[in-house]
N, C-alpha and C. Protein backbone atom coordinates (compact mmCIF):
# COMPACT_ATOMS: atom_id res chain seq x y z
N MET A 1 20.31 9.01 -9.74
CA MET A 1 19.91 7.46 -8.83
C MET A 1 20.46 7.31 -7.43
N LYS A 2 21.62 7.60 -7.32
CA LYS A 2 22.01 7.72 -5.92
C LYS A 2 21.26 8.12 -4.58
N MET A 3 20.26 9.41 -5.61
CA MET A 3 19.34 9.69 -4.25
C MET A 3 18.54 8.43 -4.16
N LEU A 4 18.24 7.78 -5.28
CA LEU A 4 17.05 6.68 -5.48
C LEU A 4 17.13 5.55 -4.15
N LEU A 5 18.38 5.40 -4.62
CA LEU A 5 19.25 3.92 -3.49
C LEU A 5 18.82 4.74 -2.43
N THR A 6 19.44 5.86 -1.67
CA THR A 6 19.18 6.25 -0.08
C THR A 6 17.95 6.29 0.29
N LEU A 7 17.05 6.93 -0.93
CA LEU A 7 15.87 7.17 -0.31
C LEU A 7 15.09 5.70 0.37
N ALA A 8 15.27 4.50 -0.79
CA ALA A 8 15.16 3.67 -1.00
C ALA A 8 15.50 2.79 0.33
N ALA A 9 16.78 3.11 0.60
CA ALA A 9 17.05 2.66 2.42
C ALA A 9 16.91 3.10 2.90
N ALA A 10 16.23 4.64 2.75
CA ALA A 10 15.42 5.39 4.47
C ALA A 10 14.29 4.61 4.06
N MET A 11 13.58 4.08 3.58
CA MET A 11 11.65 4.22 3.23
C MET A 11 11.88 2.30 4.35
N ALA A 12 13.29 1.69 3.92
CA ALA A 12 12.92 0.31 4.61
C ALA A 12 12.99 0.26 5.77
N VAL A 13 13.13 1.37 6.63
CA VAL A 13 13.55 1.17 8.18
C VAL A 13 11.93 1.60 8.45
N ALA A 14 11.25 0.94 9.53
CA ALA A 14 9.91 0.97 10.53
C ALA A 14 8.78 0.38 9.52
N ALA A 15 9.02 -0.64 8.17
CA ALA A 15 8.13 -1.22 7.64
C ALA A 15 7.67 -2.52 8.05
N PRO A 16 6.41 -3.09 8.10
CA PRO A 16 6.20 -4.61 8.78
C PRO A 16 6.84 -5.19 8.13
N THR A 17 7.27 -6.15 9.18
CA THR A 17 7.88 -7.14 8.52
C THR A 17 7.29 -8.36 7.23
N PHE A 18 8.09 -8.51 6.67
CA PHE A 18 7.86 -9.45 5.49
C PHE A 18 8.96 -11.04 5.59
N ALA A 19 8.77 -11.87 5.00
CA ALA A 19 9.60 -12.95 5.39
C ALA A 19 10.62 -13.05 4.01
N CYS A 20 9.21 -12.93 2.75
CA CYS A 20 10.21 -12.77 1.16
C CYS A 20 10.62 -11.38 0.58
N ASP A 21 11.72 -11.52 0.79
CA ASP A 21 12.23 -9.78 0.72
C ASP A 21 11.54 -9.34 -1.08
N THR A 22 11.54 -9.69 -1.65
CA THR A 22 11.01 -9.61 -2.95
C THR A 22 9.33 -9.37 -3.16
N CYS A 23 8.25 -9.89 -2.46
CA CYS A 23 6.95 -9.39 -2.28
C CYS A 23 6.53 -9.58 -0.88
N GLY A 24 7.23 -9.70 0.05
CA GLY A 24 6.39 -9.52 1.00
C GLY A 24 5.50 -10.76 1.91
N CYS A 25 5.33 -11.87 1.29
CA CYS A 25 4.66 -13.02 1.81
C CYS A 25 5.63 -13.77 2.63
N LYS A 26 5.00 -14.40 3.65
CA LYS A 26 5.78 -14.87 4.81
C LYS A 26 5.96 -16.38 4.71
N ASP A 27 5.64 -16.94 3.03
CA ASP A 27 6.48 -17.97 2.73
C ASP A 27 7.71 -17.69 2.78
N ALA A 28 8.78 -18.55 3.09
CA ALA A 28 10.47 -18.96 2.89
C ALA A 28 10.56 -19.35 1.51
N LYS A 29 9.66 -20.08 0.94
CA LYS A 29 10.16 -20.99 0.07
C LYS A 29 9.71 -19.81 -1.17
N HIS A 30 9.07 -18.88 -1.25
CA HIS A 30 8.63 -18.20 -2.15
C HIS A 30 9.55 -17.10 -2.73
N ASP A 31 10.54 -17.58 -1.16
CA ASP A 31 11.52 -16.46 -1.49
C ASP A 31 12.70 -16.76 -2.50
N LYS A 32 12.88 -18.30 -1.86
CA LYS A 32 13.95 -18.80 -2.81
C LYS A 32 13.54 -19.11 -3.91
N ALA A 33 12.16 -19.17 -4.69
CA ALA A 33 11.31 -18.87 -5.96
C ALA A 33 11.98 -17.72 -7.13
N HIS A 34 11.94 -16.29 -6.40
CA HIS A 34 12.06 -15.27 -7.09
C HIS A 34 14.11 -15.14 -7.16
N THR A 35 14.32 -15.55 -5.88
CA THR A 35 16.09 -15.59 -6.27
C THR A 35 16.11 -16.57 -7.55
N ALA A 36 15.09 -17.61 -7.73
CA ALA A 36 15.47 -18.76 -9.09
C ALA A 36 14.80 -18.36 -10.85
N GLY A 37 14.88 -16.43 -10.00
CA GLY A 37 13.67 -15.87 -10.95
C GLY A 37 12.22 -16.33 -11.38
N GLU A 38 12.08 -17.16 -10.77
CA GLU A 38 10.05 -17.28 -11.04
C GLU A 38 9.38 -16.63 -10.69
N ALA A 39 8.05 -16.16 -11.47
CA ALA A 39 7.56 -15.12 -10.95
C ALA A 39 6.38 -15.06 -9.82
N HIS A 40 6.35 -13.92 -9.63
CA HIS A 40 5.63 -14.15 -8.16
C HIS A 40 4.06 -14.02 -8.75
N GLN A 41 3.33 -14.68 -7.24
CA GLN A 41 2.25 -15.32 -7.77
C GLN A 41 0.76 -14.71 -7.13
N HIS A 42 1.45 -13.75 -6.08
CA HIS A 42 0.63 -12.85 -5.09
C HIS A 42 -0.18 -11.36 -5.56
N ASP A 43 -1.66 -11.40 -6.07
CA ASP A 43 -2.18 -10.71 -6.37
C ASP A 43 -2.30 -9.24 -5.05
N ILE A 44 -2.32 -8.31 -4.86
CA ILE A 44 -2.29 -7.20 -3.93
C ILE A 44 -3.45 -7.47 -2.57
N VAL A 45 -4.23 -8.59 -2.71
CA VAL A 45 -4.90 -8.36 -1.52
C VAL A 45 -4.45 -9.75 -0.98
N ASP A 46 -3.91 -10.30 -1.58
CA ASP A 46 -3.11 -12.04 -1.00
C ASP A 46 -1.65 -11.36 -0.22
N THR A 47 -1.63 -10.77 -0.89
CA THR A 47 -0.06 -9.87 -0.61
C THR A 47 -0.13 -9.38 0.90
N ALA A 48 -1.17 -8.53 0.53
CA ALA A 48 -1.46 -7.79 2.00
C ALA A 48 -1.85 -8.96 3.26
N VAL A 49 -2.90 -10.26 2.69
CA VAL A 49 -3.24 -11.03 3.70
C VAL A 49 -1.99 -11.84 4.34
N GLU A 50 -0.83 -12.08 3.37
CA GLU A 50 -0.30 -13.17 3.98
C GLU A 50 0.93 -11.81 4.58
N ALA A 51 0.97 -10.56 4.41
CA ALA A 51 2.34 -10.19 5.27
C ALA A 51 1.88 -9.25 6.76
N GLU A 52 2.80 -9.23 7.46
CA GLU A 52 2.30 -8.98 9.09
C GLU A 52 2.09 -7.57 8.51
N GLY A 53 1.29 -6.86 9.74
CA GLY A 53 0.91 -5.85 9.61
C GLY A 53 -0.19 -4.64 9.33
N PHE A 54 -0.77 -5.76 8.50
CA PHE A 54 -2.12 -5.13 7.42
C PHE A 54 -3.74 -5.76 7.45
N SER A 55 -3.84 -6.27 8.61
CA SER A 55 -5.11 -6.91 9.53
C SER A 55 -6.22 -5.92 9.19
N THR A 56 -5.78 -5.05 9.57
CA THR A 56 -6.53 -4.36 9.49
C THR A 56 -7.09 -3.19 8.59
N LEU A 57 -6.38 -3.15 7.58
CA LEU A 57 -6.69 -3.10 5.84
C LEU A 57 -7.04 -3.94 5.19
N VAL A 58 -7.04 -5.09 5.72
CA VAL A 58 -7.39 -6.07 4.46
C VAL A 58 -8.69 -6.31 5.66
N ALA A 59 -9.39 -5.87 6.46
CA ALA A 59 -10.64 -5.87 7.04
C ALA A 59 -10.99 -4.95 6.41
N ALA A 60 -11.18 -3.86 6.40
CA ALA A 60 -11.54 -2.38 5.88
C ALA A 60 -12.04 -2.39 4.04
N VAL A 61 -10.96 -4.09 3.67
CA VAL A 61 -11.15 -4.00 1.82
C VAL A 61 -12.05 -4.61 2.22
N LYS A 62 -12.49 -5.74 3.01
CA LYS A 62 -13.51 -6.81 3.25
C LYS A 62 -14.66 -6.23 3.26
N ALA A 63 -15.27 -5.60 4.19
CA ALA A 63 -16.00 -4.56 4.67
C ALA A 63 -16.62 -3.18 3.72
N ALA A 64 -15.98 -3.15 2.70
CA ALA A 64 -15.57 -1.93 1.80
C ALA A 64 -16.34 -3.06 0.57
N GLY A 65 -16.24 -4.00 0.49
CA GLY A 65 -16.55 -4.91 -0.93
C GLY A 65 -15.83 -4.46 -1.81
N LEU A 66 -14.18 -4.41 -1.57
CA LEU A 66 -13.24 -4.04 -3.07
C LEU A 66 -12.33 -5.32 -3.32
N VAL A 67 -12.52 -6.44 -2.49
CA VAL A 67 -11.79 -7.76 -1.94
C VAL A 67 -11.74 -7.75 -3.92
N GLU A 68 -12.36 -8.58 -4.39
CA GLU A 68 -12.38 -8.46 -5.67
C GLU A 68 -12.09 -7.57 -6.42
N THR A 69 -12.93 -6.24 -6.62
CA THR A 69 -11.88 -5.31 -7.31
C THR A 69 -9.95 -5.33 -7.21
N LEU A 70 -9.43 -5.46 -6.00
CA LEU A 70 -8.26 -5.52 -5.87
C LEU A 70 -7.47 -7.19 -6.26
N LYS A 71 -8.09 -7.69 -6.89
CA LYS A 71 -7.64 -9.29 -6.83
C LYS A 71 -7.94 -8.70 -8.36
N GLY A 72 -8.68 -7.81 -8.88
CA GLY A 72 -8.31 -7.84 -10.60
C GLY A 72 -7.27 -7.72 -10.81
N ASP A 73 -7.01 -7.50 -12.60
CA ASP A 73 -6.32 -7.68 -13.42
C ASP A 73 -4.94 -6.42 -13.08
N GLY A 74 -6.29 -4.91 -13.20
CA GLY A 74 -5.19 -4.04 -12.71
C GLY A 74 -4.47 -3.32 -13.60
N PRO A 75 -3.33 -2.47 -13.96
CA PRO A 75 -2.31 -2.62 -12.61
C PRO A 75 -3.01 -1.87 -11.48
N PHE A 76 -2.71 -1.80 -10.49
CA PHE A 76 -2.97 -1.14 -9.19
C PHE A 76 -1.37 -0.36 -8.63
N THR A 77 -1.71 0.60 -7.87
CA THR A 77 -0.59 1.00 -7.12
C THR A 77 -1.07 1.56 -5.76
N VAL A 78 -1.34 0.61 -5.13
CA VAL A 78 -1.42 0.63 -3.28
C VAL A 78 -0.72 1.29 -2.39
N PHE A 79 -1.18 2.43 -2.02
CA PHE A 79 -0.79 3.18 -0.37
C PHE A 79 -1.38 2.36 0.23
N ALA A 80 -0.56 1.61 0.89
CA ALA A 80 -1.04 1.09 2.17
C ALA A 80 -0.85 1.08 3.27
N PRO A 81 -1.85 1.33 4.26
CA PRO A 81 -1.43 2.41 5.41
C PRO A 81 -1.22 0.75 6.60
N THR A 82 -0.58 1.13 7.41
CA THR A 82 -0.03 -0.11 9.04
C THR A 82 -0.98 -0.46 9.16
N ASP A 83 -1.23 -1.30 10.15
CA ASP A 83 -2.46 -1.64 11.11
C ASP A 83 -1.87 -0.01 12.24
N LYS A 84 -0.52 -0.52 13.35
CA LYS A 84 -0.23 1.11 13.59
C LYS A 84 -0.82 2.46 12.86
N ALA A 85 -0.96 2.70 11.64
CA ALA A 85 -1.89 3.76 11.09
C ALA A 85 -2.88 3.85 11.18
N PHE A 86 -4.16 2.31 11.14
CA PHE A 86 -5.20 2.71 11.46
C PHE A 86 -5.55 2.91 12.81
N GLU A 87 -4.37 2.94 13.80
CA GLU A 87 -4.93 3.00 15.38
C GLU A 87 -4.04 4.42 15.60
N LYS A 88 -3.76 5.55 14.52
CA LYS A 88 -3.99 7.07 14.62
C LYS A 88 -5.03 7.32 14.89
N LEU A 89 -6.04 6.87 13.94
CA LEU A 89 -7.39 7.48 13.58
C LEU A 89 -8.08 8.00 15.13
N PRO A 90 -8.76 9.19 15.24
CA PRO A 90 -9.23 8.71 16.51
C PRO A 90 -10.61 8.12 16.95
N SER A 91 -10.33 8.12 18.06
CA SER A 91 -11.07 6.84 18.74
C SER A 91 -12.63 6.43 18.51
N GLY A 92 -12.32 5.52 18.05
CA GLY A 92 -14.00 4.89 17.53
C GLY A 92 -14.48 5.37 16.11
N THR A 93 -13.64 6.04 15.73
CA THR A 93 -13.65 6.61 13.70
C THR A 93 -13.51 4.95 12.53
N LEU A 94 -12.93 4.20 13.24
CA LEU A 94 -12.39 2.39 12.31
C LEU A 94 -13.64 2.06 12.48
N GLN A 95 -14.25 2.01 14.05
CA GLN A 95 -15.47 1.04 14.31
C GLN A 95 -16.75 1.72 13.24
N SER A 96 -16.96 2.89 13.43
CA SER A 96 -17.68 3.76 12.79
C SER A 96 -17.76 3.46 10.92
N LEU A 97 -16.61 3.40 10.66
CA LEU A 97 -16.49 3.06 8.96
C LEU A 97 -16.70 1.74 9.10
N LEU A 98 -16.44 0.69 9.57
CA LEU A 98 -16.22 -0.51 9.38
C LEU A 98 -18.35 -1.26 9.78
N LYS A 99 -18.93 -0.52 9.50
CA LYS A 99 -20.33 -0.57 9.80
C LYS A 99 -21.15 -0.33 8.35
N PRO A 100 -21.69 -0.91 7.95
CA PRO A 100 -22.54 -1.49 6.78
C PRO A 100 -23.31 -0.05 6.56
N GLU A 101 -23.92 1.12 7.46
CA GLU A 101 -23.80 2.08 7.11
C GLU A 101 -23.37 3.00 6.33
N ASN A 102 -21.82 2.76 7.09
CA ASN A 102 -20.78 3.71 5.90
C ASN A 102 -19.85 3.04 5.17
N LYS A 103 -20.45 1.82 4.73
CA LYS A 103 -19.75 1.48 3.36
C LYS A 103 -19.08 2.53 2.33
N ASP A 104 -20.11 3.41 1.57
CA ASP A 104 -19.81 4.02 1.15
C ASP A 104 -18.95 5.35 1.66
N LYS A 105 -18.61 5.48 3.03
CA LYS A 105 -17.56 6.78 3.03
C LYS A 105 -16.25 5.77 3.37
N LEU A 106 -16.00 4.39 3.66
CA LEU A 106 -15.09 3.30 3.69
C LEU A 106 -14.24 3.14 2.35
N THR A 107 -15.17 2.99 1.27
CA THR A 107 -14.75 2.87 -0.12
C THR A 107 -14.11 4.13 -0.30
N SER A 108 -14.62 4.96 -0.04
CA SER A 108 -13.64 6.10 -0.76
C SER A 108 -13.34 6.98 -0.02
N ILE A 109 -12.60 6.44 0.65
CA ILE A 109 -11.18 6.57 1.70
C ILE A 109 -10.79 5.15 1.02
N LEU A 110 -10.76 4.19 1.22
CA LEU A 110 -9.69 3.33 0.25
C LEU A 110 -9.60 3.59 -1.14
N THR A 111 -10.52 3.87 -1.71
CA THR A 111 -9.81 4.36 -3.15
C THR A 111 -9.23 5.72 -2.73
N TYR A 112 -8.95 6.31 -2.40
CA TYR A 112 -8.22 7.31 -1.98
C TYR A 112 -6.64 6.87 -2.12
N HIS A 113 -6.72 5.77 -1.36
CA HIS A 113 -4.96 5.23 -1.24
C HIS A 113 -4.93 3.90 -2.66
N VAL A 114 -5.68 4.10 -3.34
CA VAL A 114 -5.58 3.35 -5.22
C VAL A 114 -5.02 4.36 -5.96
N VAL A 115 -3.70 3.93 -7.07
CA VAL A 115 -3.86 5.12 -7.84
C VAL A 115 -3.75 3.56 -9.08
N PRO A 116 -4.64 4.23 -10.16
CA PRO A 116 -4.50 3.21 -11.39
C PRO A 116 -3.30 3.47 -12.34
N GLY A 117 -2.53 1.96 -12.18
CA GLY A 117 -1.07 1.37 -13.23
C GLY A 117 -0.36 0.78 -12.22
N LYS A 118 1.11 0.89 -12.69
CA LYS A 118 2.10 0.28 -11.80
C LYS A 118 2.77 1.43 -11.84
N VAL A 119 2.36 2.23 -10.31
CA VAL A 119 4.26 3.36 -9.86
C VAL A 119 4.93 3.11 -9.01
N MET A 120 6.13 2.03 -9.84
CA MET A 120 7.34 2.06 -8.87
C MET A 120 7.37 3.73 -7.84
N ALA A 121 8.40 3.38 -7.04
CA ALA A 121 9.27 3.71 -6.39
C ALA A 121 10.40 5.43 -7.12
N SER A 122 10.76 4.49 -8.40
CA SER A 122 11.26 5.30 -8.74
C SER A 122 10.22 6.26 -9.80
N ASP A 123 9.22 5.51 -9.99
CA ASP A 123 8.08 7.35 -10.66
C ASP A 123 7.86 7.93 -10.12
N VAL A 124 7.58 7.61 -8.64
CA VAL A 124 6.91 8.25 -7.68
C VAL A 124 8.03 9.66 -7.18
N VAL A 125 8.67 9.69 -6.99
CA VAL A 125 9.86 10.66 -6.69
C VAL A 125 9.91 11.98 -7.74
N ASN A 126 8.98 11.31 -9.10
CA ASN A 126 9.19 12.80 -10.38
C ASN A 126 8.09 13.06 -10.07
N VAL A 127 6.64 12.51 -9.97
CA VAL A 127 5.80 13.23 -10.24
C VAL A 127 5.68 14.08 -9.04
N ASP A 128 4.43 14.87 -8.52
CA ASP A 128 3.86 16.12 -7.36
C ASP A 128 2.66 15.83 -7.38
N SER A 129 1.83 14.75 -7.98
CA SER A 129 0.18 14.52 -7.79
C SER A 129 0.13 13.22 -8.72
N ALA A 130 -0.92 12.73 -8.02
CA ALA A 130 -1.60 11.29 -8.95
C ALA A 130 -3.00 11.05 -8.58
N GLU A 131 -4.03 11.10 -9.76
CA GLU A 131 -5.62 10.94 -9.73
C GLU A 131 -5.24 9.46 -8.54
N THR A 132 -6.42 9.62 -8.41
CA THR A 132 -6.02 8.36 -7.43
C THR A 132 -8.19 7.85 -8.18
N VAL A 133 -8.25 6.23 -7.60
CA VAL A 133 -9.38 5.43 -8.20
C VAL A 133 -10.55 6.40 -8.06
N ASN A 134 -10.54 7.18 -6.39
CA ASN A 134 -12.15 7.79 -5.89
C ASN A 134 -12.41 9.04 -7.26
N GLY A 135 -10.91 9.76 -8.03
CA GLY A 135 -11.09 10.59 -8.59
C GLY A 135 -10.41 11.55 -7.92
N LYS A 136 -9.88 11.33 -6.40
CA LYS A 136 -9.23 12.99 -6.12
C LYS A 136 -8.22 12.64 -6.32
N GLN A 137 -6.99 14.01 -6.48
CA GLN A 137 -5.57 14.03 -6.15
C GLN A 137 -4.97 13.54 -5.09
N LEU A 138 -4.38 13.35 -5.07
CA LEU A 138 -3.29 13.29 -3.97
C LEU A 138 -1.95 13.84 -4.08
N ASP A 139 -1.42 14.46 -3.29
CA ASP A 139 -0.03 14.95 -3.82
C ASP A 139 1.01 14.38 -3.40
N VAL A 140 2.15 14.79 -3.99
CA VAL A 140 3.09 13.40 -3.62
C VAL A 140 4.39 14.48 -3.41
N LYS A 141 4.91 14.20 -2.35
CA LYS A 141 6.26 15.38 -2.00
C LYS A 141 7.49 14.39 -1.82
N VAL A 142 8.14 15.10 -2.41
CA VAL A 142 9.67 14.33 -1.54
C VAL A 142 10.80 14.98 -1.12
N GLN A 143 11.06 15.12 0.04
CA GLN A 143 11.98 15.98 0.90
C GLN A 143 13.12 15.26 1.98
N GLY A 144 14.36 15.28 0.78
CA GLY A 144 14.95 14.94 1.11
C GLY A 144 15.31 13.46 0.79
N ASP A 145 15.33 12.54 2.14
CA ASP A 145 14.97 10.90 1.60
C ASP A 145 13.49 10.41 2.13
N THR A 146 12.95 11.40 2.27
CA THR A 146 11.39 10.49 2.44
C THR A 146 10.16 11.74 1.54
N VAL A 147 9.55 10.58 1.88
CA VAL A 147 8.58 10.79 0.58
C VAL A 147 7.31 10.46 1.34
N MET A 148 6.30 11.94 0.81
CA MET A 148 5.16 11.76 1.67
C MET A 148 4.16 11.56 0.50
N VAL A 149 2.91 11.04 1.28
CA VAL A 149 1.79 10.99 -0.17
C VAL A 149 0.68 11.61 0.71
N GLY A 150 0.25 12.68 0.26
CA GLY A 150 -0.62 13.12 1.52
C GLY A 150 -0.02 13.53 2.47
N ASP A 151 -0.59 13.33 3.99
CA ASP A 151 0.47 13.06 5.10
C ASP A 151 0.79 12.33 5.71
N ALA A 152 0.89 11.09 4.64
CA ALA A 152 1.66 10.09 5.00
C ALA A 152 2.89 9.95 4.79
N LYS A 153 3.78 9.28 5.49
CA LYS A 153 5.40 9.46 4.93
C LYS A 153 5.22 7.44 4.45
N VAL A 154 5.77 7.61 3.32
CA VAL A 154 6.21 6.01 2.69
C VAL A 154 7.07 5.45 3.41
N VAL A 155 6.92 4.11 3.93
CA VAL A 155 7.68 3.77 4.87
C VAL A 155 8.72 2.48 3.99
N LYS A 156 7.80 1.90 3.08
CA LYS A 156 8.49 0.94 2.60
C LYS A 156 8.44 0.41 0.75
N THR A 157 8.82 0.96 -0.13
CA THR A 157 8.17 0.54 -1.14
C THR A 157 8.33 -0.31 -1.87
N ASP A 158 7.82 -0.52 -3.21
CA ASP A 158 7.74 -1.41 -4.47
C ASP A 158 7.85 -2.86 -3.85
N ILE A 159 6.88 -3.35 -3.55
CA ILE A 159 5.94 -4.56 -3.10
C ILE A 159 5.02 -5.36 -4.37
N GLU A 160 6.08 -5.70 -5.27
CA GLU A 160 5.56 -6.19 -6.62
C GLU A 160 4.61 -7.15 -6.26
N CYS A 161 3.57 -7.29 -6.78
CA CYS A 161 2.78 -8.23 -6.98
C CYS A 161 2.16 -8.50 -8.90
N THR A 162 1.58 -9.38 -8.46
CA THR A 162 0.79 -10.25 -9.80
C THR A 162 0.12 -8.58 -10.42
N ASN A 163 -0.34 -7.93 -9.78
CA ASN A 163 -1.59 -7.01 -10.55
C ASN A 163 -1.37 -5.51 -9.80
N GLY A 164 -0.05 -5.14 -9.73
CA GLY A 164 0.24 -3.85 -9.26
C GLY A 164 1.72 -4.12 -8.56
N VAL A 165 1.87 -2.88 -7.44
CA VAL A 165 2.45 -2.57 -6.43
C VAL A 165 2.01 -2.04 -4.84
N ILE A 166 2.36 -2.23 -4.47
CA ILE A 166 2.20 -1.59 -2.72
C ILE A 166 3.28 -1.21 -2.27
N HIS A 167 3.02 0.34 -1.95
CA HIS A 167 3.73 1.26 -1.13
C HIS A 167 3.22 1.20 0.34
N VAL A 168 3.96 1.09 1.39
CA VAL A 168 3.99 0.92 2.92
C VAL A 168 3.39 2.52 3.52
N ILE A 169 2.61 2.97 4.00
CA ILE A 169 2.39 4.18 4.08
C ILE A 169 2.43 4.22 6.05
N ASP A 170 2.42 5.21 6.53
CA ASP A 170 2.13 5.40 7.68
C ASP A 170 1.16 6.29 9.01
N SER A 171 0.24 6.34 7.61
CA SER A 171 -0.87 7.06 8.44
C SER A 171 -2.10 6.58 7.17
N VAL A 172 -3.21 6.78 7.65
CA VAL A 172 -4.81 6.76 6.88
C VAL A 172 -4.58 8.07 6.30
N LEU A 173 -4.53 7.95 4.90
CA LEU A 173 -5.52 9.35 3.91
C LEU A 173 -7.07 9.82 3.93
N LEU A 174 -6.72 10.86 4.44
CA LEU A 174 -8.10 10.74 3.99
C LEU A 174 -8.69 11.82 3.08
N PRO A 175 -9.77 11.42 2.01
CA PRO A 175 -9.96 12.57 0.87
C PRO A 175 -10.41 13.70 1.43
């Protein structure tokens, strides 16, 4: 348990800024609702839209036609790359992927970031791989206080949504 607390503290560093401590949305009143024990009301897509640092991911999800899917019942676990993660891609890659003729490739990449079910940080540290929605295996490694999913470092965990959970990562995963 001590390792999980240390791990969670280490992952909280360098993650996108959120106003609501529980779900990540920018609505400070919403944070007070959580404190009062009220249920979270944002799905995965709405949470990403409300949070700072995910505009590229949101644009990619829209371009791939995955908005309705990720607003669905789920539950889903999304390893969400930040805007800075997308900036690490080679020049021109993102622009190419966002073109309509590359929708299938973009969809394959985005669904590689999604695992069926709700996998919390305490669960992630006990597995060495997970099958993604696109059918490929995603390696999971715990190295001290660092959790790696594929080649990406998990920088914030357990952003709970009505239809799953988001874990923030620092790189885009490529299947």
